[in-house]
Amino acid sequence: MKLLRDIQRNIFLRPMRIAVVDDQRSWRAFELQCVAWHLAKKIKSVSDRPRIGIMLPTSGLFPPAVMASWMLGRTIVPLNYLLSKGDLEYVCADAGIDACITVGPMIDLIGGLPAGVTAIRMDAMKFGGFPPIRLAQRMKSDDLAIILYTSGTSGRPKGVMLTAGNLEANIDQIVDRAEFGRHDTMLGVLPQFHTFGLTVLTLLPLAIGCRAIYTARFIPRKLVALSRMHRPTVLVAIPSMFAALRLVKDATKEDLSSLRYVVSGGEPLSRSVSDSFFERFGIRISEGYGLTETAPVTNWCLPSEWKWRSVGRPLKHITQRIVDGDDRDVPAGGEGEIRIHGPNVMAGYWNLPNESAAAFDDRGFFRTGDMGRIDEDGHLFITGRIKEMMIIAGENVFPREIEEVLDHHPSVKASAVIGVSDESRGEIPIAFVELKEGQVFDEVTLRSWCREHLAQFKVPREIRHLDPLPRNPTGKIIRRALKTS
């Protein structure tokens, strides 16, 4: 497996360097490898199944857990510890997991592992010396390296199958676009069970030999302090985190001045957050795009190419199409579904052959379910989700357009819009807002604001106060959790 060889080569070339810093300690490169050897021996003694679970806080524990599993030729299944007990049991059963690499606090957090799953507790192991074990690097590029379960828009989580080649390709694509190197330092708080946190903030630093700074919980002032202390060159986060960072009272431009890339992904970045962050720190946040099924990054708008709402051009070896409802390619500037082809695109969904087949069109392009357009310069712009699109009096309307207007109001911290059935207009928009600290909810004022900035048919019929808005583990707003009754 090329990725594992790259990781180990960087460890052995500079074994004494500080590779990872987390909330508990610093990790030298050779310490990660030593822990991986011990852990691999423990895994062999506990389970012989081809897949193994990993449930750990965002930390330096995650890299050796991945390395140990891959050295044994095992497929890793990162477990989302924020899932319901029923969904966690389903994931373990569906993936055929009988052992999970974890720590005691994680087990306590979820109230115990599912029945039949043995805990391999890293916090209960001793890692001194070199264990008497030789391990073959048996995994090939087309072998299954990881199954990432998505939260899904409905029903049970789906396991996205990513091969070693998918991960290797995406890391190579990202490094090529950003010209990352060993002198970079990544700062991140995204969970490592999430595709963004796994590929960009965990595997990529290991593969190129740069430093990663982790913190398990997003505390805005702490993230600023970490930047002040470690002088990172890369910060990857989601819009809600940037919204909070701009409000840290004692933060200065100097605190973030070492950053050459500040990247937002996971959900659309509002103009109000983008502009106020730039005014506060003098840094333009650049947006990227990707999905769990694409390992994940497909597009990234570099700061030098910045355009408002652009997620940039596709990374190398990625081809993108914009198609209409009849599967016909639309011309530049036309809107339609985004479809993607490239070496980073998943092998399919675990145990779901019909859904795997349906995920690709006749030309082998992955159906993203996202709507977008590509301009004459090749920049991709995301306009919404097909399933979230509202048809109001015959007009296509996406929640994002209405949310953008609401988010610009001085009292609104964040918003979410959904469509509900209406006999006369087909659908009508209903908005939910989360207010900034100290603000008072005033529906009349907010509706007037919308009327000033939107066509009349796009103005929400109702605007409701909901604090906080429902979010997933990475902070993305979950529209399907919003109730109108």
Protein backbone atom coordinates (compact mmCIF):
# COMPACT_ATOMS: atom_id res chain seq x y z
CA MET A 1 0.00 0.00 0.00
CA LYS A 2 1.70 3.16 -1.23
CA LEU A 3 0.04 5.40 1.36
CA LEU A 4 1.28 3.30 4.27
CA ARG A 5 4.77 3.15 2.74
CA ASP A 6 4.78 6.95 2.39
CA ILE A 7 3.70 7.36 6.02
CA GLN A 8 6.37 5.00 7.33
CA ARG A 9 9.08 6.43 5.09
CA ASN A 10 8.46 9.91 6.53
CA ILE A 11 8.56 8.46 10.04
CA PHE A 12 11.89 6.68 9.51
CA LEU A 13 13.48 9.63 7.68
CA ARG A 14 12.83 12.00 10.62
CA PRO A 15 11.92 9.82 13.60
CA MET A 16 12.56 12.46 16.30
CA ARG A 17 10.44 15.24 14.84
CA ILE A 18 7.21 16.29 16.56
CA ALA A 19 4.58 14.87 14.19
CA VAL A 20 1.40 15.44 16.19
CA VAL A 21 0.32 17.67 19.07
CA ASP A 22 -3.02 17.07 20.77
CA ASP A 23 -4.81 18.09 23.95
CA GLN A 24 -2.82 15.64 26.06
CA ARG A 25 0.71 15.51 24.67
CA SER A 26 3.15 15.79 21.77
CA TRP A 27 3.97 12.75 19.64
CA ARG A 28 7.32 12.19 17.98
CA ALA A 29 7.14 10.38 14.65
CA PHE A 30 8.79 7.20 15.92
CA GLU A 31 6.33 7.08 18.84
CA LEU A 32 3.44 6.82 16.39
CA GLN A 33 5.14 3.87 14.70
CA CYS A 34 6.01 2.19 18.00
CA VAL A 35 2.42 2.45 19.23
CA ALA A 36 1.23 1.08 15.89
CA TRP A 37 3.45 -2.01 16.26
CA HIS A 38 2.15 -2.74 19.76
CA LEU A 39 -1.41 -2.11 18.70
CA ALA A 40 -1.10 -4.41 15.68
CA LYS A 41 0.06 -7.22 17.97
CA LYS A 42 -2.93 -6.61 20.23
CA ILE A 43 -5.37 -6.57 17.30
CA LYS A 44 -4.04 -9.94 16.07
CA SER A 45 -4.61 -11.46 19.50
CA VAL A 46 -8.21 -10.21 19.71
CA SER A 47 -9.73 -10.46 16.24
CA ASP A 48 -9.05 -12.10 12.89
CA ARG A 49 -11.88 -10.40 11.01
CA PRO A 50 -10.98 -8.28 7.95
CA ARG A 51 -12.61 -5.12 9.33
CA ILE A 52 -11.99 -3.32 12.60
CA GLY A 53 -13.68 -0.37 14.26
CA ILE A 54 -11.94 2.78 15.48
CA MET A 55 -13.67 5.08 17.96
CA LEU A 56 -11.31 7.72 19.30
CA PRO A 57 -11.37 11.44 20.10
CA THR A 58 -9.61 13.77 17.66
CA SER A 59 -6.03 13.18 18.77
CA GLY A 60 -2.67 11.59 18.12
CA LEU A 61 -4.17 8.20 19.00
CA PHE A 62 -5.91 7.95 15.65
CA PRO A 63 -2.84 7.75 13.34
CA PRO A 64 -1.29 4.64 14.97
CA ALA A 65 -4.73 2.99 15.07
CA VAL A 66 -4.99 3.42 11.30
CA MET A 67 -1.39 2.34 10.70
CA ALA A 68 -1.70 -0.79 12.85
CA SER A 69 -4.87 -1.87 11.07
CA TRP A 70 -3.39 -1.35 7.61
CA MET A 71 -0.17 -3.16 8.53
CA LEU A 72 -2.39 -6.18 9.17
CA GLY A 73 -4.26 -5.70 5.91
CA ARG A 74 -7.45 -4.78 7.79
CA THR A 75 -10.15 -2.39 6.60
CA ILE A 76 -10.81 0.37 9.12
CA VAL A 77 -14.33 1.48 10.06
CA PRO A 78 -14.23 4.80 11.95
CA LEU A 79 -17.22 4.96 14.29
CA ASN A 80 -19.17 8.14 14.91
CA TYR A 81 -19.54 8.23 18.70
CA LEU A 82 -22.39 10.73 18.38
CA LEU A 83 -24.67 8.26 16.61
CA SER A 84 -27.70 6.89 18.40
CA LYS A 85 -27.18 3.56 20.15
CA GLY A 86 -29.37 1.85 17.55
CA ASP A 87 -27.41 3.29 14.60
CA LEU A 88 -24.08 2.40 16.21
CA GLU A 89 -25.25 -1.18 16.71
CA TYR A 90 -26.41 -1.27 13.09
CA VAL A 91 -23.06 0.00 11.77
CA CYS A 92 -21.07 -2.56 13.76
CA ALA A 93 -23.34 -5.40 12.62
CA ASP A 94 -23.43 -4.25 8.99
CA ALA A 95 -19.64 -3.93 8.80
CA GLY A 96 -19.08 -7.23 10.61
CA ILE A 97 -17.01 -5.68 13.40
CA ASP A 98 -16.13 -7.74 16.48
CA ALA A 99 -13.41 -5.45 17.86
CA CYS A 100 -12.98 -1.70 18.23
CA ILE A 101 -9.88 0.37 18.97
CA THR A 102 -10.95 2.91 21.56
CA VAL A 103 -10.35 4.43 25.02
CA GLY A 104 -12.29 4.24 28.26
CA PRO A 105 -13.86 7.72 28.10
CA MET A 106 -15.30 6.94 24.67
CA ILE A 107 -16.91 3.75 25.96
CA ASP A 108 -18.38 5.68 28.87
CA LEU A 109 -19.63 8.40 26.54
CA ILE A 110 -21.74 6.00 24.47
CA GLY A 111 -22.79 3.84 27.42
CA GLY A 112 -20.83 0.78 26.32
CA LEU A 113 -19.91 -0.84 23.00
CA PRO A 114 -22.55 -2.89 21.16
CA ALA A 115 -22.90 -6.52 22.22
CA GLY A 116 -20.29 -8.77 20.65
CA VAL A 117 -17.76 -5.97 20.06
CA THR A 118 -14.54 -6.27 22.08
CA ALA A 119 -12.81 -3.08 23.18
CA ILE A 120 -9.10 -2.72 22.40
CA ARG A 121 -8.37 0.07 24.86
CA MET A 122 -5.32 2.11 23.92
CA ASP A 123 -5.39 3.84 27.30
CA ALA A 124 -4.96 0.46 29.02
CA MET A 125 -1.92 -0.61 26.99
CA LYS A 126 1.80 -0.16 27.57
CA PHE A 127 3.91 0.81 24.57
CA GLY A 128 7.52 0.59 25.74
CA GLY A 129 10.16 -1.08 23.55
CA PHE A 130 9.64 -2.96 20.31
CA PRO A 131 7.17 -5.85 20.24
CA PRO A 132 8.38 -9.17 18.78
CA ILE A 133 6.20 -9.10 15.67
CA ARG A 134 6.81 -8.82 11.95
CA LEU A 135 4.03 -7.43 9.83
CA ALA A 136 3.63 -7.64 6.09
CA GLN A 137 2.25 -4.65 4.19
CA ARG A 138 -0.28 -6.72 2.27
CA MET A 139 -2.80 -4.12 1.18
CA LYS A 140 -2.87 -3.19 -2.52
CA SER A 141 -4.21 -0.02 -4.12
CA ASP A 142 -7.48 -1.66 -5.17
CA ASP A 143 -8.07 -3.22 -1.74
CA LEU A 144 -10.70 -1.77 0.59
CA ALA A 145 -8.91 0.56 3.03
CA ILE A 146 -11.84 2.15 4.80
CA ILE A 147 -15.61 2.09 5.16
CA LEU A 148 -17.00 5.48 6.18
CA TYR A 149 -20.62 5.46 7.26
CA THR A 150 -22.52 8.56 6.22
CA SER A 151 -25.29 9.94 8.38
CA GLY A 152 -27.56 9.82 5.34
CA THR A 153 -30.55 11.99 4.55
CA SER A 154 -32.98 9.23 5.51
CA GLY A 155 -32.93 5.68 6.80
CA ARG A 156 -29.88 3.82 8.06
CA PRO A 157 -26.28 5.03 7.58
CA LYS A 158 -24.62 3.86 4.36
CA GLY A 159 -21.06 2.55 4.29
CA VAL A 160 -18.95 4.32 1.67
CA MET A 161 -16.20 2.00 0.42
CA LEU A 162 -12.90 3.77 -0.24
CA THR A 163 -9.93 1.84 -1.57
CA ALA A 164 -6.31 2.53 -0.77
CA GLY A 165 -6.06 3.92 -4.30
CA ASN A 166 -8.93 6.35 -3.68
CA LEU A 167 -7.17 7.79 -0.64
CA GLU A 168 -3.76 7.87 -2.32
CA ALA A 169 -5.21 9.66 -5.34
CA ASN A 170 -6.99 12.31 -3.27
CA ILE A 171 -3.97 13.09 -1.13
CA ASP A 172 -1.86 13.44 -4.28
CA GLN A 173 -4.51 15.70 -5.83
CA ILE A 174 -4.69 17.96 -2.77
CA VAL A 175 -0.91 18.22 -2.44
CA ASP A 176 -0.63 19.05 -6.14
CA ARG A 177 -3.21 21.84 -5.91
CA ALA A 178 -1.90 23.45 -2.70
CA GLU A 179 1.80 22.58 -2.98
CA PHE A 180 1.83 21.28 0.58
CA GLY A 181 5.15 20.14 2.02
CA ARG A 182 6.86 18.92 5.17
CA HIS A 183 7.26 22.47 6.48
CA ASP A 184 3.50 23.03 6.70
CA THR A 185 1.57 22.72 9.95
CA MET A 186 -2.10 21.73 9.91
CA LEU A 187 -4.49 22.96 12.59
CA GLY A 188 -7.80 21.16 12.91
CA VAL A 189 -10.66 20.27 15.18
CA LEU A 190 -12.79 18.22 12.77
CA PRO A 191 -13.58 14.69 14.00
CA GLN A 192 -11.38 12.00 12.51
CA PHE A 193 -14.35 9.72 11.86
CA HIS A 194 -15.43 12.35 9.30
CA THR A 195 -13.99 12.19 5.79
CA PHE A 196 -12.59 15.74 5.93
CA GLY A 197 -10.89 15.18 9.28
CA LEU A 198 -9.56 11.79 8.21
CA THR A 199 -8.09 12.53 4.78
CA VAL A 200 -7.10 16.18 5.00
CA LEU A 201 -6.11 16.53 8.66
CA THR A 202 -4.85 13.02 9.48
CA LEU A 203 -3.68 10.99 6.48
CA LEU A 204 -2.30 13.89 4.43
CA PRO A 205 0.04 15.23 7.19
CA LEU A 206 1.29 11.70 7.83
CA ALA A 207 1.87 11.07 4.12
CA ILE A 208 3.89 14.24 3.48
CA GLY A 209 5.63 14.39 6.85
CA CYS A 210 4.25 17.69 8.13
CA ARG A 211 2.98 18.49 11.62
CA ALA A 212 -0.67 18.26 12.72
CA ILE A 213 -2.16 20.11 15.69
CA TYR A 214 -5.39 18.57 17.04
CA THR A 215 -7.93 19.60 19.62
CA ALA A 216 -10.89 17.35 20.39
CA ARG A 217 -13.45 20.08 21.09
CA PHE A 218 -14.09 23.29 19.22
CA ILE A 219 -13.48 26.10 21.69
CA PRO A 220 -12.94 29.28 19.65
CA ARG A 221 -10.54 31.01 22.04
CA LYS A 222 -8.52 27.78 22.37
CA LEU A 223 -8.17 27.48 18.60
CA VAL A 224 -6.86 31.06 18.51
CA ALA A 225 -4.42 30.23 21.31
CA LEU A 226 -3.18 27.16 19.43
CA SER A 227 -2.61 29.28 16.35
CA ARG A 228 -0.72 31.81 18.43
CA MET A 229 1.43 29.07 19.94
CA HIS A 230 2.13 26.71 17.00
CA ARG A 231 2.01 29.13 14.03
CA PRO A 232 0.11 26.80 11.66
CA THR A 233 0.08 27.37 7.92
CA VAL A 234 -3.25 25.64 7.27
CA LEU A 235 -6.59 25.88 9.05
CA VAL A 236 -9.43 23.67 7.85
CA ALA A 237 -12.86 24.16 9.41
CA ILE A 238 -16.55 24.56 8.66
CA PRO A 239 -18.54 27.81 8.35
CA SER A 240 -20.04 27.72 11.84
CA MET A 241 -16.53 27.53 13.31
CA PHE A 242 -15.37 30.55 11.31
CA ALA A 243 -18.50 32.40 12.44
CA ALA A 244 -17.47 31.79 16.06
CA LEU A 245 -13.75 32.54 15.54
CA ARG A 246 -14.45 36.03 14.24
CA LEU A 247 -16.16 36.82 17.58
CA VAL A 248 -13.23 35.91 19.86
CA LYS A 249 -12.68 39.19 21.69
CA ASP A 250 -8.92 39.16 22.24
CA ALA A 251 -8.00 37.62 18.87
CA THR A 252 -5.74 39.72 16.64
CA LYS A 253 -4.57 39.62 13.04
CA GLU A 254 -1.15 38.57 14.29
CA ASP A 255 -2.63 35.44 15.92
CA LEU A 256 -3.59 34.06 12.51
CA SER A 257 -0.88 35.71 10.42
CA SER A 258 1.05 32.46 9.86
CA LEU A 259 -1.84 30.93 7.90
CA ARG A 260 -1.40 30.69 4.15
CA TYR A 261 -4.56 28.65 3.64
CA VAL A 262 -7.83 29.05 5.51
CA VAL A 263 -10.25 26.55 4.03
CA SER A 264 -13.98 26.10 4.56
CA GLY A 265 -15.94 23.02 3.59
CA GLY A 266 -18.86 20.86 4.60
CA GLU A 267 -21.57 23.43 3.89
CA PRO A 268 -21.93 26.82 2.18
CA LEU A 269 -20.05 29.77 3.65
CA SER A 270 -22.26 32.83 4.08
CA ARG A 271 -21.12 36.18 2.73
CA SER A 272 -21.55 37.80 6.13
CA VAL A 273 -19.12 35.34 7.76
CA SER A 274 -16.69 35.55 4.85
CA ASP A 275 -16.59 39.35 4.83
CA SER A 276 -16.46 39.84 8.60
CA PHE A 277 -13.66 37.26 8.96
CA PHE A 278 -11.71 39.10 6.27
CA GLU A 279 -12.30 42.45 7.97
CA ARG A 280 -11.25 41.06 11.34
CA PHE A 281 -8.15 39.06 10.34
CA GLY A 282 -7.26 40.20 6.82
CA ILE A 283 -7.56 36.62 5.54
CA ARG A 284 -9.86 35.52 2.77
CA ILE A 285 -11.48 32.15 3.50
CA SER A 286 -11.37 29.92 0.43
CA GLU A 287 -14.02 27.29 -0.11
CA GLY A 288 -13.61 23.68 -1.19
CA TYR A 289 -16.03 20.99 -2.21
CA GLY A 290 -16.22 17.25 -1.85
CA LEU A 291 -18.19 14.32 -0.53
CA THR A 292 -17.51 11.23 1.52
CA GLU A 293 -17.90 9.31 -1.75
CA THR A 294 -15.03 11.25 -3.33
CA ALA A 295 -12.50 10.68 -0.53
CA PRO A 296 -13.39 13.71 -0.17
CA VAL A 297 -11.92 16.74 -2.00
CA THR A 298 -12.84 17.40 -5.64
CA ASN A 299 -12.58 21.20 -5.88
CA TRP A 300 -10.70 23.96 -4.09
CA CYS A 301 -10.64 27.66 -4.78
CA LEU A 302 -7.13 28.90 -4.02
CA PRO A 303 -6.89 32.39 -2.46
CA SER A 304 -5.20 33.70 -5.62
CA GLU A 305 -8.23 32.60 -7.69
CA TRP A 306 -10.91 33.67 -5.22
CA LYS A 307 -14.40 34.32 -6.50
CA TRP A 308 -17.39 34.73 -4.25
CA ARG A 309 -19.30 31.43 -3.91
CA SER A 310 -16.78 29.56 -6.06
CA VAL A 311 -15.41 26.27 -4.74
CA GLY A 312 -12.77 26.44 -7.44
CA ARG A 313 -11.66 24.30 -10.32
CA PRO A 314 -11.57 20.50 -10.07
CA LEU A 315 -8.38 18.90 -8.83
CA LYS A 316 -6.20 17.04 -11.32
CA HIS A 317 -7.55 13.87 -12.97
CA ILE A 318 -11.13 14.82 -12.00
CA THR A 319 -13.77 15.37 -14.67
CA GLN A 320 -17.04 17.10 -13.84
CA ARG A 321 -20.31 17.37 -15.74
CA ILE A 322 -23.36 19.53 -15.18
CA VAL A 323 -26.46 17.74 -16.47
CA ASP A 324 -30.13 18.64 -16.76
CA GLY A 325 -33.14 16.51 -15.82
CA ASP A 326 -32.79 14.54 -19.07
CA ASP A 327 -29.12 13.65 -18.43
CA ARG A 328 -27.92 16.10 -21.08
CA ASP A 329 -24.81 18.22 -20.51
CA VAL A 330 -25.63 21.89 -20.08
CA PRO A 331 -23.47 24.70 -21.50
CA ALA A 332 -21.13 26.82 -19.37
CA GLY A 333 -23.09 28.84 -16.85
CA GLY A 334 -26.09 26.51 -16.99
CA GLU A 335 -27.42 24.92 -13.80
CA GLY A 336 -27.87 21.19 -13.23
CA GLU A 337 -26.70 18.20 -11.20
CA ILE A 338 -22.97 17.91 -10.57
CA ARG A 339 -21.49 14.58 -11.63
CA ILE A 340 -17.93 13.51 -10.98
CA HIS A 341 -15.44 11.02 -12.40
CA GLY A 342 -11.93 10.44 -11.07
CA PRO A 343 -9.55 8.04 -9.30
CA ASN A 344 -10.73 9.31 -5.90
CA VAL A 345 -14.38 8.29 -6.43
CA MET A 346 -15.60 5.47 -4.18
CA ALA A 347 -15.89 1.80 -5.08
CA GLY A 348 -19.55 1.77 -3.97
CA TYR A 349 -21.73 1.35 -0.89
CA TRP A 350 -21.05 -1.56 1.45
CA ASN A 351 -23.62 -4.36 1.16
CA LEU A 352 -25.82 -2.20 -1.10
CA PRO A 353 -25.30 -3.33 -4.71
CA ASN A 354 -28.45 -1.71 -6.07
CA GLU A 355 -27.70 1.66 -4.46
CA SER A 356 -24.08 1.39 -5.63
CA ALA A 357 -25.18 0.89 -9.22
CA ALA A 358 -27.72 3.72 -9.02
CA ALA A 359 -25.05 6.11 -7.73
CA PHE A 360 -23.36 6.18 -11.15
CA ASP A 361 -24.72 7.22 -14.53
CA ASP A 362 -24.28 5.39 -17.85
CA ARG A 363 -20.92 7.09 -18.41
CA GLY A 364 -19.57 6.07 -15.01
CA PHE A 365 -19.92 9.50 -13.39
CA PHE A 366 -20.94 9.68 -9.74
CA ARG A 367 -24.29 11.37 -9.16
CA THR A 368 -23.62 13.84 -6.36
CA GLY A 369 -27.22 14.97 -5.81
CA ASP A 370 -25.87 18.55 -5.64
CA MET A 371 -26.91 21.27 -8.03
CA GLY A 372 -24.36 23.65 -9.45
CA ARG A 373 -22.93 25.47 -12.43
CA ILE A 374 -19.49 25.86 -14.00
CA ASP A 375 -18.42 29.26 -15.32
CA GLU A 376 -16.27 30.02 -18.35
CA ASP A 377 -13.10 29.82 -16.19
CA GLY A 378 -13.93 26.33 -14.98
CA HIS A 379 -14.93 27.41 -11.47
CA LEU A 380 -17.68 25.34 -9.84
CA PHE A 381 -20.50 27.04 -7.93
CA ILE A 382 -22.80 25.00 -5.66
CA THR A 383 -26.41 26.16 -5.72
CA GLY A 384 -28.14 23.54 -3.57
CA ARG A 385 -29.24 19.94 -3.10
CA ILE A 386 -31.67 18.39 -5.56
CA LYS A 387 -33.72 16.92 -2.71
CA GLU A 388 -33.86 20.30 -0.96
CA MET A 389 -34.97 22.25 -4.00
CA MET A 390 -38.38 23.87 -3.61
CA ILE A 391 -40.77 24.45 -6.50
CA ILE A 392 -42.67 27.60 -5.62
CA ALA A 393 -45.35 28.65 -8.10
CA GLY A 394 -43.41 26.79 -10.80
CA GLU A 395 -40.06 28.39 -9.94
CA ASN A 396 -37.04 26.46 -8.66
CA VAL A 397 -35.81 27.89 -5.36
CA PHE A 398 -32.95 26.62 -3.20
CA PRO A 399 -32.82 27.17 0.58
CA ARG A 400 -29.30 28.57 0.32
CA GLU A 401 -30.45 31.74 -1.46
CA ILE A 402 -32.94 32.61 1.29
CA GLU A 403 -30.53 31.62 4.06
CA GLU A 404 -27.87 33.90 2.60
CA VAL A 405 -30.21 36.87 2.97
CA LEU A 406 -31.25 35.97 6.52
CA ASP A 407 -27.65 35.38 7.61
CA HIS A 408 -26.82 38.92 6.53
CA HIS A 409 -29.25 40.41 9.05
CA PRO A 410 -27.38 41.85 12.07
CA SER A 411 -29.40 39.80 14.58
CA VAL A 412 -29.04 36.39 12.91
CA LYS A 413 -26.26 33.97 13.76
CA ALA A 414 -27.43 31.19 11.42
CA SER A 415 -30.53 30.14 9.52
CA ALA A 416 -32.12 27.16 7.80
CA VAL A 417 -34.97 27.05 5.30
CA ILE A 418 -37.21 24.15 4.31
CA GLY A 419 -40.15 23.81 1.96
CA VAL A 420 -43.63 22.66 2.97
CA SER A 421 -46.58 21.72 0.77
CA ASP A 422 -49.05 24.43 -0.18
CA GLU A 423 -52.25 23.90 -2.18
CA SER A 424 -52.01 27.09 -4.20
CA ARG A 425 -48.25 27.48 -4.73
CA GLY A 426 -46.99 23.89 -4.61
CA GLU A 427 -44.50 24.68 -1.86
CA ILE A 428 -43.74 27.58 0.44
CA PRO A 429 -40.52 28.34 2.36
CA ILE A 430 -40.41 28.26 6.16
CA ALA A 431 -37.32 29.69 7.87
CA PHE A 432 -35.70 28.96 11.22
CA VAL A 433 -33.15 31.33 12.74
CA GLU A 434 -30.60 31.12 15.51
CA LEU A 435 -29.86 34.55 16.96
CA LYS A 436 -26.61 36.19 18.01
CA GLU A 437 -26.05 36.63 21.72
CA GLY A 438 -28.16 39.42 23.19
CA GLN A 439 -30.44 39.79 20.15
CA VAL A 440 -34.25 39.70 20.34
CA PHE A 441 -36.33 37.74 17.84
CA ASP A 442 -38.58 39.91 15.68
CA GLU A 443 -40.32 38.02 12.89
CA VAL A 444 -41.86 41.14 11.34
CA THR A 445 -38.48 42.82 11.00
CA LEU A 446 -36.88 39.71 9.51
CA ARG A 447 -39.67 39.25 6.97
CA SER A 448 -39.34 42.92 5.96
CA TRP A 449 -35.61 42.35 5.52
CA CYS A 450 -36.32 39.39 3.24
CA ARG A 451 -38.80 41.41 1.17
CA GLU A 452 -36.09 44.02 0.59
CA HIS A 453 -33.62 41.47 -0.76
CA LEU A 454 -35.69 38.67 -2.32
CA ALA A 455 -38.36 38.24 -4.94
CA GLN A 456 -41.76 38.15 -3.27
CA PHE A 457 -42.35 34.43 -3.96
CA LYS A 458 -39.09 33.57 -2.15
CA VAL A 459 -39.95 35.41 1.08
CA PRO A 460 -40.57 32.86 3.88
CA ARG A 461 -44.21 32.45 4.87
CA GLU A 462 -43.02 32.06 8.46
CA ILE A 463 -39.78 32.73 10.32
CA ARG A 464 -39.32 30.87 13.60
CA HIS A 465 -36.77 31.24 16.37
CA LEU A 466 -34.89 28.02 17.19
CA ASP A 467 -31.84 28.05 19.43
CA PRO A 468 -29.78 26.12 18.70
CA LEU A 469 -30.42 24.88 15.18
CA PRO A 470 -29.93 21.10 14.84
CA ARG A 471 -26.43 20.22 13.66
CA ASN A 472 -24.42 17.12 12.84
CA PRO A 473 -21.07 16.30 14.55
CA THR A 474 -19.15 18.64 12.24
CA GLY A 475 -21.55 21.53 12.88
CA LYS A 476 -23.49 21.34 9.62
CA ILE A 477 -27.15 22.28 9.98
CA ILE A 478 -29.50 19.30 9.55
CA ARG A 479 -32.51 20.58 7.65
CA ARG A 480 -34.36 17.26 7.83
CA ALA A 481 -34.51 17.59 11.62
CA LEU A 482 -36.54 20.79 11.39
CA LYS A 483 -40.22 20.41 12.22
CA THR A 484 -43.02 22.65 10.94
CA SER A 485 -45.80 21.39 13.19
